[in-house]
Amino acid sequence: MTCFTSNGSVSVTPLLPDTTGYQFTGNALVNGQTVNQYQLVTSQGNKTATYNFSVLASDNYTPVQLSFLGRDLVLGSHTDSA
């Protein structure tokens, strides 16, 4: 069985974010689990985006939640939250 073929190189989109630049912001309870929270705030002009990434506190590795709040940097029409 073949899923797809390619005549060139294929770039894979990572599932988890590159956490370079994220700062530890403390511990919290997310979905009943104690987590370590990390945050990255980026700006472009007057538009700001905030990324929050939570991992299990017990191993500081297992992802629990990734959230985003900010303006779409391409269109900038409204604030999104995901």
N, C-alpha and C. Protein backbone atom coordinates (compact mmCIF):
# COMPACT_ATOMS: atom_id res chain seq x y z
N MET A 1 0.85 -1.18 0.00
CA MET A 1 0.00 0.00 0.00
C MET A 1 0.90 1.25 0.00
N THR A 2 0.60 2.19 -0.86
CA THR A 2 1.34 3.44 -0.93
C THR A 2 0.42 4.60 -0.59
N CYS A 3 0.86 5.44 0.35
CA CYS A 3 0.05 6.59 0.73
C CYS A 3 0.18 7.70 -0.30
N PHE A 4 1.41 7.99 -0.70
CA PHE A 4 1.65 9.01 -1.71
C PHE A 4 3.07 8.84 -2.22
N THR A 5 3.33 9.41 -3.35
CA THR A 5 4.68 9.41 -3.89
C THR A 5 5.08 10.84 -4.19
N SER A 6 6.39 11.04 -4.22
CA SER A 6 6.90 12.37 -4.48
C SER A 6 8.14 12.26 -5.34
N ASN A 7 8.27 13.17 -6.28
CA ASN A 7 9.46 13.19 -7.13
C ASN A 7 10.51 14.15 -6.58
N GLY A 8 10.33 14.64 -5.39
CA GLY A 8 11.26 15.58 -4.78
C GLY A 8 11.24 15.41 -3.28
N SER A 9 11.85 16.35 -2.61
CA SER A 9 11.87 16.27 -1.15
C SER A 9 10.54 16.76 -0.59
N VAL A 10 10.16 16.19 0.52
CA VAL A 10 8.91 16.55 1.18
C VAL A 10 9.25 17.10 2.56
N SER A 11 8.71 18.25 2.89
CA SER A 11 8.93 18.85 4.20
C SER A 11 7.79 18.45 5.13
N VAL A 12 8.13 17.95 6.30
CA VAL A 12 7.13 17.53 7.27
C VAL A 12 6.90 18.67 8.26
N THR A 13 5.65 19.01 8.49
CA THR A 13 5.30 20.05 9.45
C THR A 13 5.34 19.45 10.85
N PRO A 14 6.12 20.03 11.76
CA PRO A 14 6.19 19.48 13.11
C PRO A 14 4.85 19.60 13.84
N LEU A 15 4.55 18.61 14.65
CA LEU A 15 3.31 18.61 15.40
C LEU A 15 3.38 19.52 16.62
N LEU A 16 4.55 19.58 17.24
CA LEU A 16 4.74 20.41 18.43
C LEU A 16 5.58 21.63 18.09
N PRO A 17 5.38 22.72 18.82
CA PRO A 17 6.12 23.94 18.49
C PRO A 17 7.59 23.86 18.88
N ASP A 18 8.40 24.66 18.21
CA ASP A 18 9.79 24.86 18.62
C ASP A 18 9.72 25.74 19.85
N THR A 19 10.18 25.23 20.98
CA THR A 19 10.01 25.97 22.23
C THR A 19 11.17 26.93 22.53
N THR A 20 12.03 27.14 21.56
CA THR A 20 13.09 28.13 21.72
C THR A 20 12.44 29.50 21.96
N GLY A 21 12.84 30.17 23.00
CA GLY A 21 12.28 31.49 23.30
C GLY A 21 11.12 31.47 24.27
N TYR A 22 10.53 30.31 24.53
CA TYR A 22 9.45 30.22 25.51
C TYR A 22 10.03 30.43 26.91
N GLN A 23 9.28 31.09 27.77
CA GLN A 23 9.70 31.34 29.15
C GLN A 23 8.76 30.59 30.10
N PHE A 24 9.34 29.98 31.14
CA PHE A 24 8.55 29.30 32.16
C PHE A 24 7.73 30.35 32.91
N THR A 25 6.41 30.11 33.04
CA THR A 25 5.54 31.07 33.71
C THR A 25 4.92 30.52 34.99
N GLY A 26 5.20 29.26 35.32
CA GLY A 26 4.67 28.70 36.56
C GLY A 26 3.93 27.41 36.35
N ASN A 27 3.30 26.95 37.43
CA ASN A 27 2.52 25.72 37.41
C ASN A 27 1.04 26.04 37.42
N ALA A 28 0.26 25.10 36.92
CA ALA A 28 -1.19 25.27 36.90
C ALA A 28 -1.84 23.90 36.85
N LEU A 29 -3.15 23.89 36.98
CA LEU A 29 -3.94 22.68 36.85
C LEU A 29 -4.70 22.77 35.53
N VAL A 30 -4.42 21.85 34.61
CA VAL A 30 -5.09 21.82 33.30
C VAL A 30 -5.69 20.43 33.12
N ASN A 31 -7.00 20.38 32.91
CA ASN A 31 -7.71 19.10 32.74
C ASN A 31 -7.38 18.13 33.87
N GLY A 32 -7.30 18.64 35.09
CA GLY A 32 -7.05 17.80 36.25
C GLY A 32 -5.61 17.36 36.43
N GLN A 33 -4.70 17.90 35.63
CA GLN A 33 -3.30 17.51 35.70
C GLN A 33 -2.43 18.71 36.06
N THR A 34 -1.44 18.51 36.91
CA THR A 34 -0.51 19.58 37.24
C THR A 34 0.48 19.71 36.09
N VAL A 35 0.59 20.94 35.59
CA VAL A 35 1.45 21.18 34.43
C VAL A 35 2.43 22.31 34.70
N ASN A 36 3.52 22.29 33.95
CA ASN A 36 4.42 23.43 33.86
C ASN A 36 3.98 24.23 32.65
N GLN A 37 3.89 25.54 32.77
CA GLN A 37 3.43 26.38 31.67
C GLN A 37 4.58 27.23 31.14
N TYR A 38 4.63 27.33 29.82
CA TYR A 38 5.63 28.13 29.13
C TYR A 38 4.91 29.08 28.19
N GLN A 39 5.47 30.26 27.97
CA GLN A 39 4.81 31.28 27.16
C GLN A 39 5.81 31.94 26.21
N LEU A 40 5.32 32.23 25.01
CA LEU A 40 6.07 32.98 24.02
C LEU A 40 5.19 34.11 23.53
N VAL A 41 5.69 35.34 23.59
CA VAL A 41 4.97 36.50 23.09
C VAL A 41 5.76 37.05 21.91
N THR A 42 5.10 37.16 20.76
CA THR A 42 5.75 37.70 19.57
C THR A 42 5.01 38.95 19.11
N SER A 43 5.73 39.85 18.49
CA SER A 43 5.13 41.09 17.98
C SER A 43 5.63 41.36 16.58
N GLN A 44 4.74 41.89 15.78
CA GLN A 44 5.07 42.36 14.45
C GLN A 44 4.29 43.65 14.24
N GLY A 45 5.01 44.78 14.25
CA GLY A 45 4.32 46.06 14.20
C GLY A 45 3.54 46.23 15.49
N ASN A 46 2.25 46.56 15.37
CA ASN A 46 1.42 46.71 16.56
C ASN A 46 0.59 45.46 16.86
N LYS A 47 0.91 44.35 16.21
CA LYS A 47 0.18 43.09 16.42
C LYS A 47 0.99 42.18 17.33
N THR A 48 0.33 41.64 18.34
CA THR A 48 0.97 40.76 19.31
C THR A 48 0.29 39.40 19.30
N ALA A 49 1.08 38.34 19.40
CA ALA A 49 0.56 36.97 19.50
C ALA A 49 1.16 36.33 20.74
N THR A 50 0.34 35.64 21.52
CA THR A 50 0.78 34.96 22.73
C THR A 50 0.50 33.47 22.60
N TYR A 51 1.56 32.67 22.76
CA TYR A 51 1.46 31.22 22.70
C TYR A 51 1.71 30.68 24.10
N ASN A 52 0.85 29.80 24.59
CA ASN A 52 1.00 29.16 25.89
C ASN A 52 1.09 27.65 25.67
N PHE A 53 2.13 27.03 26.22
CA PHE A 53 2.37 25.60 26.04
C PHE A 53 2.49 24.97 27.42
N SER A 54 1.66 23.93 27.66
CA SER A 54 1.66 23.26 28.96
C SER A 54 2.11 21.82 28.80
N VAL A 55 3.01 21.38 29.70
CA VAL A 55 3.50 20.01 29.72
C VAL A 55 3.33 19.45 31.13
N LEU A 56 3.21 18.13 31.23
CA LEU A 56 3.07 17.51 32.54
C LEU A 56 4.22 17.91 33.45
N ALA A 57 3.89 18.31 34.67
CA ALA A 57 4.92 18.71 35.63
C ALA A 57 5.75 17.51 36.06
N SER A 58 5.16 16.32 36.04
CA SER A 58 5.86 15.12 36.52
C SER A 58 7.07 14.75 35.66
N ASP A 59 7.02 15.06 34.35
CA ASP A 59 8.17 14.73 33.50
C ASP A 59 8.68 15.93 32.69
N ASN A 60 7.95 17.05 32.75
CA ASN A 60 8.31 18.27 32.00
C ASN A 60 8.53 17.98 30.52
N TYR A 61 7.76 17.04 29.98
CA TYR A 61 7.95 16.61 28.60
C TYR A 61 6.64 16.36 27.87
N THR A 62 5.72 15.65 28.52
CA THR A 62 4.48 15.24 27.86
C THR A 62 3.56 16.43 27.64
N PRO A 63 3.24 16.74 26.37
CA PRO A 63 2.37 17.89 26.08
C PRO A 63 0.95 17.67 26.58
N VAL A 64 0.35 18.74 27.11
CA VAL A 64 -1.03 18.68 27.60
C VAL A 64 -1.90 19.67 26.83
N GLN A 65 -1.39 20.88 26.58
CA GLN A 65 -2.21 21.90 25.92
C GLN A 65 -1.33 22.94 25.25
N LEU A 66 -1.77 23.38 24.08
CA LEU A 66 -1.13 24.48 23.37
C LEU A 66 -2.24 25.47 23.02
N SER A 67 -2.06 26.73 23.39
CA SER A 67 -3.09 27.73 23.08
C SER A 67 -2.45 28.96 22.47
N PHE A 68 -3.26 29.73 21.76
CA PHE A 68 -2.80 30.91 21.04
C PHE A 68 -3.84 32.00 21.22
N LEU A 69 -3.36 33.23 21.42
CA LEU A 69 -4.25 34.39 21.44
C LEU A 69 -3.51 35.52 20.74
N GLY A 70 -4.12 36.06 19.71
CA GLY A 70 -3.47 37.15 19.00
C GLY A 70 -4.15 37.46 17.68
N ARG A 71 -3.56 38.40 16.98
CA ARG A 71 -4.07 38.80 15.67
C ARG A 71 -3.37 38.01 14.59
N ASP A 72 -4.13 37.65 13.60
CA ASP A 72 -3.58 36.99 12.43
C ASP A 72 -2.53 37.91 11.82
N LEU A 73 -1.28 37.48 11.79
CA LEU A 73 -0.20 38.35 11.31
C LEU A 73 -0.26 38.57 9.80
N VAL A 74 -1.02 37.73 9.07
CA VAL A 74 -1.13 37.90 7.62
C VAL A 74 -2.22 38.93 7.30
N LEU A 75 -3.44 38.70 7.81
CA LEU A 75 -4.55 39.60 7.49
C LEU A 75 -4.79 40.64 8.57
N GLY A 76 -4.53 40.29 9.83
CA GLY A 76 -4.67 41.23 10.93
C GLY A 76 -6.07 41.76 11.16
N SER A 77 -7.06 41.04 10.67
CA SER A 77 -8.42 41.56 10.72
C SER A 77 -9.10 41.45 12.07
N HIS A 78 -8.76 40.42 12.84
CA HIS A 78 -9.42 40.25 14.14
C HIS A 78 -8.53 39.38 15.03
N THR A 79 -8.84 39.38 16.32
CA THR A 79 -8.10 38.59 17.28
C THR A 79 -8.65 37.16 17.28
N ASP A 80 -7.75 36.18 17.23
CA ASP A 80 -8.12 34.77 17.25
C ASP A 80 -7.65 34.15 18.55
N SER A 81 -8.37 33.13 18.95
CA SER A 81 -7.97 32.33 20.10
C SER A 81 -8.14 30.87 19.72
N ALA A 82 -7.11 30.09 19.96
CA ALA A 82 -7.17 28.66 19.63
C ALA A 82 -6.47 27.85 20.67
